[in-house]
Amino acid sequence: MERTREDLAWAAGLFEGEGCLTLSQRPRNAPIVTMGMMDKDVVDRFEVIMGFGKRYQEAERYGPGKIFYRWQTTTFEHAQATIAMLWPWLGERRKQRAAEILAAPRTPHYRTRTHCKHGHLYDEENTKHWVGSPGTRYCRQCAAHRSRVSYAKKKREMKEV
């Protein structure tokens, strides 16, 4: 579908009334752009106009037989694109919130981190990769420490019995 100026103005008006701009708490302060309501056809049209994002439905959120439909995107690039497309028609309060969301510092994705949360270097010697879960890794030093703490706790519990 080709977006028209009228489509974007319609989407901006809808977003102004029903949309939300927020930041995720975890894992990395990522922007979340959401628009939701009970009218499936309206949310479907919004999704088509945006051209990205994902639609969800939550059954009986507002009572028996009522379904809430929500369009959402959680990547920085899509949040930025949404804001850019709707910007000319957004109110001042939404524009201010959008600027805050885009300017918020984001922590890097865990796969790009060079050190664990305790400061140990992720290098070949200190990094263990989970079998069966590609891309997942953990720090061997931290794992060894957790193991020692767990063993000491079990040993204390055995003495108490």
N, C-alpha and C. Protein backbone atom coordinates (compact mmCIF):
# COMPACT_ATOMS: atom_id res chain seq x y z
N MET A 1 0.83 -1.19 0.00
CA MET A 1 0.00 0.00 0.00
C MET A 1 0.87 1.25 0.00
N GLU A 2 0.53 2.18 -0.81
CA GLU A 2 1.26 3.44 -0.85
C GLU A 2 0.64 4.39 0.18
N ARG A 3 1.48 4.93 1.03
CA ARG A 3 1.00 5.87 2.06
C ARG A 3 0.73 7.23 1.45
N THR A 4 -0.41 7.79 1.76
CA THR A 4 -0.70 9.16 1.33
C THR A 4 -0.54 10.08 2.53
N ARG A 5 -0.47 11.34 2.25
CA ARG A 5 -0.40 12.35 3.31
C ARG A 5 -1.64 12.27 4.20
N GLU A 6 -2.78 12.00 3.58
CA GLU A 6 -4.03 11.89 4.34
C GLU A 6 -4.00 10.68 5.26
N ASP A 7 -3.41 9.55 4.78
CA ASP A 7 -3.28 8.36 5.62
C ASP A 7 -2.44 8.66 6.85
N LEU A 8 -1.33 9.35 6.64
CA LEU A 8 -0.44 9.67 7.76
C LEU A 8 -1.11 10.64 8.74
N ALA A 9 -1.85 11.60 8.22
CA ALA A 9 -2.57 12.53 9.09
C ALA A 9 -3.61 11.78 9.92
N TRP A 10 -4.33 10.85 9.28
CA TRP A 10 -5.31 10.03 9.99
C TRP A 10 -4.62 9.22 11.10
N ALA A 11 -3.49 8.57 10.74
CA ALA A 11 -2.75 7.75 11.70
C ALA A 11 -2.24 8.60 12.86
N ALA A 12 -1.78 9.80 12.57
CA ALA A 12 -1.28 10.70 13.61
C ALA A 12 -2.40 11.11 14.56
N GLY A 13 -3.57 11.40 14.01
CA GLY A 13 -4.70 11.76 14.86
C GLY A 13 -5.10 10.61 15.76
N LEU A 14 -5.09 9.40 15.20
CA LEU A 14 -5.41 8.21 15.99
C LEU A 14 -4.35 8.00 17.08
N PHE A 15 -3.09 8.13 16.69
CA PHE A 15 -2.00 7.93 17.65
C PHE A 15 -2.04 9.00 18.75
N GLU A 16 -2.38 10.20 18.38
CA GLU A 16 -2.46 11.29 19.36
C GLU A 16 -3.46 10.94 20.46
N GLY A 17 -4.55 10.29 20.08
CA GLY A 17 -5.58 9.94 21.06
C GLY A 17 -5.40 8.60 21.72
N GLU A 18 -4.86 7.62 21.01
CA GLU A 18 -4.81 6.25 21.53
C GLU A 18 -3.40 5.68 21.66
N GLY A 19 -2.39 6.43 21.26
CA GLY A 19 -1.03 5.91 21.25
C GLY A 19 -0.27 6.15 22.54
N CYS A 20 0.87 5.48 22.63
CA CYS A 20 1.72 5.58 23.81
C CYS A 20 3.18 5.46 23.39
N LEU A 21 4.01 6.31 23.96
CA LEU A 21 5.46 6.26 23.76
C LEU A 21 6.09 6.01 25.11
N THR A 22 6.87 4.95 25.23
CA THR A 22 7.51 4.64 26.51
C THR A 22 8.84 3.95 26.27
N LEU A 23 9.57 3.71 27.34
CA LEU A 23 10.84 2.99 27.28
C LEU A 23 10.72 1.69 28.06
N SER A 24 11.29 0.62 27.52
CA SER A 24 11.29 -0.64 28.25
C SER A 24 12.25 -0.53 29.43
N GLN A 25 11.94 -1.23 30.48
CA GLN A 25 12.82 -1.24 31.65
C GLN A 25 14.00 -2.18 31.41
N ARG A 26 13.73 -3.27 30.73
CA ARG A 26 14.75 -4.24 30.42
C ARG A 26 14.50 -4.74 29.01
N PRO A 27 15.44 -5.12 28.28
CA PRO A 27 16.82 -5.25 28.68
C PRO A 27 17.66 -4.01 28.46
N ARG A 28 17.22 -3.08 27.63
CA ARG A 28 18.18 -2.05 27.26
C ARG A 28 17.58 -0.68 27.03
N ASN A 29 16.50 -0.36 27.75
CA ASN A 29 15.91 0.97 27.62
C ASN A 29 15.45 1.24 26.19
N ALA A 30 14.90 0.22 25.57
CA ALA A 30 14.46 0.33 24.17
C ALA A 30 13.14 1.09 24.09
N PRO A 31 12.93 1.86 23.02
CA PRO A 31 11.65 2.56 22.87
C PRO A 31 10.53 1.58 22.53
N ILE A 32 9.36 1.84 23.07
CA ILE A 32 8.17 1.06 22.75
C ILE A 32 7.10 2.04 22.27
N VAL A 33 6.61 1.81 21.07
CA VAL A 33 5.55 2.65 20.51
C VAL A 33 4.33 1.74 20.36
N THR A 34 3.22 2.15 20.98
CA THR A 34 2.02 1.33 21.03
C THR A 34 0.79 2.15 20.65
N MET A 35 -0.15 1.51 19.99
CA MET A 35 -1.45 2.12 19.72
C MET A 35 -2.48 1.00 19.84
N GLY A 36 -3.47 1.19 20.71
CA GLY A 36 -4.42 0.11 20.90
C GLY A 36 -5.84 0.58 21.15
N MET A 37 -6.78 -0.30 20.83
CA MET A 37 -8.20 -0.04 21.03
C MET A 37 -8.99 -1.30 20.77
N MET A 38 -10.31 -1.22 20.90
CA MET A 38 -11.18 -2.38 20.71
C MET A 38 -11.61 -2.57 19.26
N ASP A 39 -11.33 -1.60 18.39
CA ASP A 39 -11.76 -1.67 16.99
C ASP A 39 -10.67 -2.30 16.14
N LYS A 40 -10.85 -3.56 15.78
CA LYS A 40 -9.85 -4.32 15.03
C LYS A 40 -9.57 -3.67 13.68
N ASP A 41 -10.59 -3.23 12.97
CA ASP A 41 -10.40 -2.67 11.64
C ASP A 41 -9.55 -1.40 11.68
N VAL A 42 -9.69 -0.62 12.74
CA VAL A 42 -8.90 0.61 12.87
C VAL A 42 -7.44 0.28 13.14
N VAL A 43 -7.20 -0.69 14.03
CA VAL A 43 -5.81 -1.10 14.33
C VAL A 43 -5.18 -1.74 13.10
N ASP A 44 -5.96 -2.53 12.36
CA ASP A 44 -5.45 -3.12 11.12
C ASP A 44 -5.03 -2.05 10.12
N ARG A 45 -5.86 -1.02 9.96
CA ARG A 45 -5.53 0.06 9.03
C ARG A 45 -4.27 0.79 9.48
N PHE A 46 -4.14 1.05 10.78
CA PHE A 46 -2.95 1.71 11.31
C PHE A 46 -1.70 0.89 10.98
N GLU A 47 -1.80 -0.43 11.19
CA GLU A 47 -0.67 -1.32 10.91
C GLU A 47 -0.28 -1.27 9.43
N VAL A 48 -1.26 -1.26 8.54
CA VAL A 48 -0.98 -1.21 7.11
C VAL A 48 -0.31 0.12 6.75
N ILE A 49 -0.80 1.20 7.30
CA ILE A 49 -0.21 2.52 7.01
C ILE A 49 1.23 2.59 7.49
N MET A 50 1.50 2.08 8.70
CA MET A 50 2.87 2.10 9.22
C MET A 50 3.79 1.22 8.40
N GLY A 51 3.32 0.02 8.03
CA GLY A 51 4.14 -0.87 7.21
C GLY A 51 5.12 -1.71 8.00
N PHE A 52 5.08 -1.65 9.32
CA PHE A 52 5.94 -2.46 10.19
C PHE A 52 5.25 -2.55 11.54
N GLY A 53 5.90 -3.20 12.47
CA GLY A 53 5.30 -3.40 13.78
C GLY A 53 4.52 -4.69 13.80
N LYS A 54 3.92 -4.96 14.93
CA LYS A 54 3.19 -6.20 15.10
C LYS A 54 1.87 -5.92 15.81
N ARG A 55 0.84 -6.66 15.44
CA ARG A 55 -0.47 -6.50 16.06
C ARG A 55 -0.72 -7.64 17.03
N TYR A 56 -1.24 -7.31 18.18
CA TYR A 56 -1.57 -8.28 19.22
C TYR A 56 -3.05 -8.16 19.56
N GLN A 57 -3.60 -9.22 20.10
CA GLN A 57 -4.96 -9.12 20.63
C GLN A 57 -5.00 -9.76 22.01
N GLU A 58 -5.70 -9.08 22.90
CA GLU A 58 -5.81 -9.53 24.28
C GLU A 58 -7.28 -9.77 24.57
N ALA A 59 -7.65 -11.02 24.72
CA ALA A 59 -9.04 -11.38 24.94
C ALA A 59 -9.50 -10.98 26.33
N GLU A 60 -10.69 -10.45 26.38
CA GLU A 60 -11.40 -10.14 27.62
C GLU A 60 -10.63 -9.23 28.58
N ARG A 61 -9.82 -8.36 28.05
CA ARG A 61 -9.09 -7.41 28.89
C ARG A 61 -10.06 -6.43 29.57
N TYR A 62 -11.10 -6.07 28.85
CA TYR A 62 -12.06 -5.10 29.38
C TYR A 62 -13.43 -5.72 29.60
N GLY A 63 -13.48 -7.00 29.84
CA GLY A 63 -14.74 -7.66 30.14
C GLY A 63 -14.98 -8.85 29.24
N PRO A 64 -15.96 -9.66 29.61
CA PRO A 64 -16.26 -10.87 28.83
C PRO A 64 -16.63 -10.55 27.39
N GLY A 65 -16.02 -11.28 26.48
CA GLY A 65 -16.33 -11.12 25.06
C GLY A 65 -15.70 -9.92 24.39
N LYS A 66 -14.97 -9.10 25.13
CA LYS A 66 -14.34 -7.91 24.55
C LYS A 66 -12.87 -8.19 24.26
N ILE A 67 -12.45 -7.84 23.07
CA ILE A 67 -11.06 -8.07 22.67
C ILE A 67 -10.39 -6.73 22.43
N PHE A 68 -9.21 -6.57 23.01
CA PHE A 68 -8.42 -5.35 22.86
C PHE A 68 -7.35 -5.64 21.81
N TYR A 69 -7.23 -4.78 20.80
CA TYR A 69 -6.25 -4.94 19.74
C TYR A 69 -5.17 -3.88 19.91
N ARG A 70 -3.90 -4.30 19.74
CA ARG A 70 -2.79 -3.40 19.98
C ARG A 70 -1.75 -3.57 18.88
N TRP A 71 -1.31 -2.44 18.31
CA TRP A 71 -0.18 -2.42 17.39
C TRP A 71 1.02 -1.94 18.19
N GLN A 72 2.19 -2.57 17.96
CA GLN A 72 3.36 -2.19 18.74
C GLN A 72 4.64 -2.41 17.95
N THR A 73 5.60 -1.56 18.22
CA THR A 73 6.95 -1.77 17.70
C THR A 73 7.94 -1.46 18.81
N THR A 74 9.04 -2.20 18.83
CA THR A 74 10.00 -2.06 19.94
C THR A 74 11.44 -1.86 19.48
N THR A 75 11.65 -1.57 18.22
CA THR A 75 13.02 -1.29 17.78
C THR A 75 13.22 0.22 17.67
N PHE A 76 14.42 0.66 17.90
CA PHE A 76 14.72 2.09 17.82
C PHE A 76 14.41 2.62 16.43
N GLU A 77 14.79 1.87 15.41
CA GLU A 77 14.60 2.32 14.03
C GLU A 77 13.12 2.49 13.70
N HIS A 78 12.29 1.55 14.13
CA HIS A 78 10.85 1.65 13.85
C HIS A 78 10.20 2.75 14.68
N ALA A 79 10.66 2.93 15.92
CA ALA A 79 10.14 4.04 16.74
C ALA A 79 10.47 5.37 16.07
N GLN A 80 11.69 5.49 15.60
CA GLN A 80 12.13 6.71 14.93
C GLN A 80 11.32 6.94 13.64
N ALA A 81 11.09 5.87 12.88
CA ALA A 81 10.32 6.00 11.65
C ALA A 81 8.87 6.39 11.95
N THR A 82 8.27 5.79 12.97
CA THR A 82 6.89 6.12 13.35
C THR A 82 6.78 7.59 13.71
N ILE A 83 7.69 8.03 14.55
CA ILE A 83 7.68 9.43 15.00
C ILE A 83 7.88 10.37 13.82
N ALA A 84 8.81 10.03 12.93
CA ALA A 84 9.08 10.88 11.77
C ALA A 84 7.86 10.98 10.85
N MET A 85 7.18 9.85 10.63
CA MET A 85 6.02 9.87 9.73
C MET A 85 4.85 10.67 10.32
N LEU A 86 4.68 10.60 11.63
CA LEU A 86 3.53 11.24 12.26
C LEU A 86 3.83 12.65 12.78
N TRP A 87 5.09 13.02 12.82
CA TRP A 87 5.55 14.27 13.45
C TRP A 87 4.74 15.52 13.08
N PRO A 88 4.49 15.79 11.79
CA PRO A 88 3.82 17.06 11.44
C PRO A 88 2.44 17.22 12.09
N TRP A 89 1.80 16.13 12.46
CA TRP A 89 0.44 16.20 12.99
C TRP A 89 0.35 15.93 14.49
N LEU A 90 1.49 15.69 15.13
CA LEU A 90 1.46 15.41 16.57
C LEU A 90 1.36 16.72 17.36
N GLY A 91 0.73 16.65 18.52
CA GLY A 91 0.65 17.80 19.42
C GLY A 91 1.98 18.03 20.11
N GLU A 92 2.11 19.16 20.77
CA GLU A 92 3.37 19.53 21.41
C GLU A 92 3.78 18.53 22.50
N ARG A 93 2.80 18.07 23.28
CA ARG A 93 3.13 17.13 24.36
C ARG A 93 3.69 15.82 23.80
N ARG A 94 3.07 15.31 22.72
CA ARG A 94 3.57 14.07 22.09
C ARG A 94 4.94 14.30 21.47
N LYS A 95 5.14 15.45 20.85
CA LYS A 95 6.44 15.74 20.25
C LYS A 95 7.53 15.77 21.32
N GLN A 96 7.21 16.37 22.46
CA GLN A 96 8.18 16.44 23.55
C GLN A 96 8.52 15.03 24.07
N ARG A 97 7.50 14.20 24.24
CA ARG A 97 7.72 12.83 24.70
C ARG A 97 8.52 12.04 23.67
N ALA A 98 8.21 12.21 22.39
CA ALA A 98 8.93 11.53 21.32
C ALA A 98 10.41 11.90 21.34
N ALA A 99 10.69 13.19 21.53
CA ALA A 99 12.08 13.64 21.59
C ALA A 99 12.79 13.01 22.79
N GLU A 100 12.11 12.92 23.93
CA GLU A 100 12.70 12.28 25.12
C GLU A 100 13.02 10.81 24.86
N ILE A 101 12.08 10.12 24.23
CA ILE A 101 12.25 8.68 23.94
C ILE A 101 13.45 8.46 23.02
N LEU A 102 13.55 9.27 21.97
CA LEU A 102 14.64 9.09 21.01
C LEU A 102 15.99 9.50 21.59
N ALA A 103 15.99 10.42 22.54
CA ALA A 103 17.26 10.89 23.12
C ALA A 103 17.71 10.05 24.31
N ALA A 104 16.85 9.18 24.81
CA ALA A 104 17.19 8.39 26.00
C ALA A 104 18.39 7.48 25.72
N PRO A 105 19.33 7.40 26.66
CA PRO A 105 20.47 6.51 26.46
C PRO A 105 20.03 5.05 26.49
N ARG A 106 20.55 4.26 25.61
CA ARG A 106 20.25 2.84 25.57
C ARG A 106 21.49 2.05 25.91
N THR A 107 21.29 0.99 26.67
CA THR A 107 22.42 0.11 26.97
C THR A 107 22.59 -0.83 25.79
N PRO A 108 23.80 -1.21 25.49
CA PRO A 108 24.01 -2.09 24.34
C PRO A 108 23.39 -3.46 24.58
N HIS A 109 23.02 -4.10 23.51
CA HIS A 109 22.48 -5.45 23.58
C HIS A 109 23.53 -6.35 24.22
N TYR A 110 23.09 -7.31 25.02
CA TYR A 110 24.04 -8.14 25.77
C TYR A 110 25.05 -8.86 24.88
N ARG A 111 24.70 -9.14 23.65
CA ARG A 111 25.64 -9.85 22.77
C ARG A 111 26.80 -8.96 22.32
N THR A 112 26.64 -7.65 22.43
CA THR A 112 27.72 -6.75 22.03
C THR A 112 28.57 -6.32 23.22
N ARG A 113 28.20 -6.72 24.41
CA ARG A 113 28.97 -6.32 25.60
C ARG A 113 30.31 -7.04 25.63
N THR A 114 31.31 -6.35 26.13
CA THR A 114 32.65 -6.92 26.20
C THR A 114 32.98 -7.44 27.59
N HIS A 115 32.16 -7.05 28.60
CA HIS A 115 32.38 -7.49 29.97
C HIS A 115 31.06 -7.93 30.60
N CYS A 116 31.12 -8.83 31.57
CA CYS A 116 29.91 -9.24 32.29
C CYS A 116 29.53 -8.13 33.27
N LYS A 117 28.40 -8.29 33.97
CA LYS A 117 27.94 -7.23 34.86
C LYS A 117 28.86 -7.02 36.06
N HIS A 118 29.77 -7.97 36.32
CA HIS A 118 30.73 -7.81 37.41
C HIS A 118 32.10 -7.34 36.92
N GLY A 119 32.19 -7.03 35.65
CA GLY A 119 33.41 -6.44 35.11
C GLY A 119 34.42 -7.42 34.54
N HIS A 120 34.10 -8.70 34.50
CA HIS A 120 35.02 -9.69 33.93
C HIS A 120 34.96 -9.64 32.40
N LEU A 121 36.10 -9.75 31.78
CA LEU A 121 36.20 -9.68 30.33
C LEU A 121 35.60 -10.92 29.67
N TYR A 122 34.79 -10.71 28.65
CA TYR A 122 34.31 -11.81 27.83
C TYR A 122 35.39 -12.10 26.78
N ASP A 123 36.26 -13.01 27.08
CA ASP A 123 37.25 -13.44 26.10
C ASP A 123 37.11 -14.95 25.92
N GLU A 124 37.93 -15.53 25.07
CA GLU A 124 37.82 -16.96 24.77
C GLU A 124 37.96 -17.82 26.02
N GLU A 125 38.87 -17.44 26.90
CA GLU A 125 39.15 -18.23 28.10
C GLU A 125 38.05 -18.11 29.17
N ASN A 126 37.42 -16.96 29.27
CA ASN A 126 36.47 -16.71 30.35
C ASN A 126 35.00 -16.80 29.91
N THR A 127 34.74 -17.17 28.66
CA THR A 127 33.37 -17.19 28.17
C THR A 127 32.93 -18.62 27.89
N LYS A 128 31.77 -18.96 28.44
CA LYS A 128 31.17 -20.28 28.19
C LYS A 128 29.89 -20.06 27.41
N HIS A 129 29.67 -20.84 26.37
CA HIS A 129 28.47 -20.72 25.56
C HIS A 129 27.51 -21.84 25.93
N TRP A 130 26.23 -21.48 26.08
CA TRP A 130 25.22 -22.48 26.41
C TRP A 130 25.03 -23.43 25.25
N VAL A 131 25.01 -24.71 25.51
CA VAL A 131 24.74 -25.70 24.48
C VAL A 131 23.23 -25.68 24.21
N GLY A 132 22.86 -25.67 22.96
CA GLY A 132 21.44 -25.69 22.60
C GLY A 132 20.79 -24.32 22.56
N SER A 133 21.55 -23.26 22.86
CA SER A 133 21.00 -21.91 22.81
C SER A 133 22.02 -21.00 22.14
N PRO A 134 22.05 -20.99 20.82
CA PRO A 134 23.05 -20.22 20.08
C PRO A 134 23.05 -18.74 20.47
N GLY A 135 24.23 -18.21 20.65
CA GLY A 135 24.37 -16.79 20.97
C GLY A 135 24.31 -16.47 22.45
N THR A 136 23.96 -17.45 23.29
CA THR A 136 23.87 -17.21 24.72
C THR A 136 25.19 -17.59 25.37
N ARG A 137 25.69 -16.72 26.21
CA ARG A 137 26.98 -16.95 26.84
C ARG A 137 26.93 -16.52 28.30
N TYR A 138 27.90 -16.99 29.07
CA TYR A 138 28.02 -16.52 30.44
C TYR A 138 29.49 -16.50 30.85
N CYS A 139 29.74 -15.78 31.91
CA CYS A 139 31.10 -15.58 32.42
C CYS A 139 31.50 -16.77 33.29
N ARG A 140 32.62 -17.41 32.97
CA ARG A 140 33.09 -18.57 33.74
C ARG A 140 33.45 -18.17 35.17
N GLN A 141 34.07 -16.99 35.37
CA GLN A 141 34.44 -16.56 36.72
C GLN A 141 33.20 -16.40 37.60
N CYS A 142 32.16 -15.78 37.05
CA CYS A 142 30.92 -15.59 37.82
C CYS A 142 30.26 -16.93 38.10
N ALA A 143 30.28 -17.83 37.11
CA ALA A 143 29.67 -19.15 37.29
C ALA A 143 30.41 -19.92 38.39
N ALA A 144 31.73 -19.83 38.40
CA ALA A 144 32.52 -20.51 39.43
C ALA A 144 32.22 -19.93 40.81
N HIS A 145 32.08 -18.63 40.90
CA HIS A 145 31.75 -17.98 42.17
C HIS A 145 30.37 -18.43 42.66
N ARG A 146 29.38 -18.45 41.76
CA ARG A 146 28.03 -18.91 42.13
C ARG A 146 28.06 -20.34 42.63
N SER A 147 28.86 -21.16 41.98
CA SER A 147 28.99 -22.56 42.37
C SER A 147 29.59 -22.69 43.77
N ARG A 148 30.64 -21.90 44.06
CA ARG A 148 31.27 -21.94 45.39
C ARG A 148 30.29 -21.49 46.47
N VAL A 149 29.55 -20.42 46.20
CA VAL A 149 28.58 -19.91 47.17
C VAL A 149 27.49 -20.95 47.42
N SER A 150 26.99 -21.57 46.36
CA SER A 150 25.95 -22.58 46.49
C SER A 150 26.45 -23.79 47.28
N TYR A 151 27.68 -24.22 46.99
CA TYR A 151 28.26 -25.37 47.70
C TYR A 151 28.43 -25.05 49.19
N ALA A 152 28.91 -23.86 49.50
CA ALA A 152 29.09 -23.47 50.90
C ALA A 152 27.75 -23.41 51.63
N LYS A 153 26.73 -22.93 50.97
CA LYS A 153 25.39 -22.86 51.58
C LYS A 153 24.86 -24.26 51.87
N LYS A 154 25.01 -25.17 50.92
CA LYS A 154 24.56 -26.56 51.12
C LYS A 154 25.33 -27.23 52.23
N LYS A 155 26.63 -26.94 52.31
CA LYS A 155 27.47 -27.52 53.34
C LYS A 155 27.02 -27.05 54.72
N ARG A 156 26.71 -25.75 54.86
CA ARG A 156 26.20 -25.21 56.13
C ARG A 156 24.87 -25.85 56.52
N GLU A 157 24.00 -26.01 55.53
CA GLU A 157 22.69 -26.62 55.79
C GLU A 157 22.83 -28.06 56.24
N MET A 158 23.80 -28.79 55.70
CA MET A 158 24.02 -30.18 56.09
C MET A 158 24.51 -30.28 57.53
N LYS A 159 25.35 -29.31 57.95
CA LYS A 159 25.86 -29.30 59.34
C LYS A 159 24.75 -29.02 60.34
N GLU A 160 23.76 -28.22 59.91
CA GLU A 160 22.66 -27.84 60.80
C GLU A 160 21.71 -29.00 61.02
N VAL A 161 21.67 -29.97 60.12
CA VAL A 161 20.73 -31.08 60.23
C VAL A 161 21.20 -32.14 61.15
